[in-house]
């Protein structure tokens, strides 16, 4: 199992515990992984300030569970995610991650289940769980400069700055397509959501794009897909919509315009699977 074509639990644990593993290689998960017990020791793969992850990671449709943070050694400006930085040209695909980032420093920022910062491609990935933090909090990615496609997040979020169900911040060059978010959003001080919160994206800056994507507005508590920090930026595409829960679980709505999700070969909807939300055939929950 310990080969570059098969990223076994031992190899992944070595990465999380800081051992030297090639961050430019191609890996594939050979089984589900339970990371319980690493709460006080792990650090994200390719943490900020390192070379980041430049390889390919194929989850093979497997699940990573038990990703919980209590490591106080992760600094205020560092990233909290499975991958700290995903570099341009890197690909993370076909994996699911369940997280609980309710750490003893809730004011820590830059949190996402998959990546703190991504310049690469995230394809066919989904996340579940709970994330609590301050600013740049996303169900999947904190800061997106790359491509997120055919992915989704069912993550409940409590934050205070820029936060979104899928991405905290969609940066210049960041593209989100054929993706969705279905989780609750809460302002950590209570009351109404701030302007910098969005059901899909917290804040999107000029040069970013989001298309053929949606949020469950009933769960999010808002039909606003993208927040606004007053900078005058925004997504270049507008095919991002808020759906009531019933519509988010409707084959007719999901397969119809403007979403046009492929429910034949890529996704499927089954009331008994994923609570009725669309799921990935190659990476089922």
Foldseek 3Di string as FASTA:
>chain_A
DPDQAECEQVNLVCQQQVHDDDLATHYEHPEAEEPAPCQAGGDARQKPPGPWRNHEYHDQLYEYERAEHAHPPQDLPIAAENTAEYDANYEYANYEYEYEYPYPQLARDQYEHHYSEYAYEYYHYEYEYEHGYEAQYEPHYSEFQHEYELYEYAYAYEYAAQYEHHTSEYEANGEYALYEGEAEYAHNVGDDDDLQYAHHYRAYFANYAYALYEYQCVRHVHFGHYGHPPPPGDHPDDRYTYDHPVLQLDPPNCCDPPNNDDCPQFWHADCVFPVRGIHGPSRGD
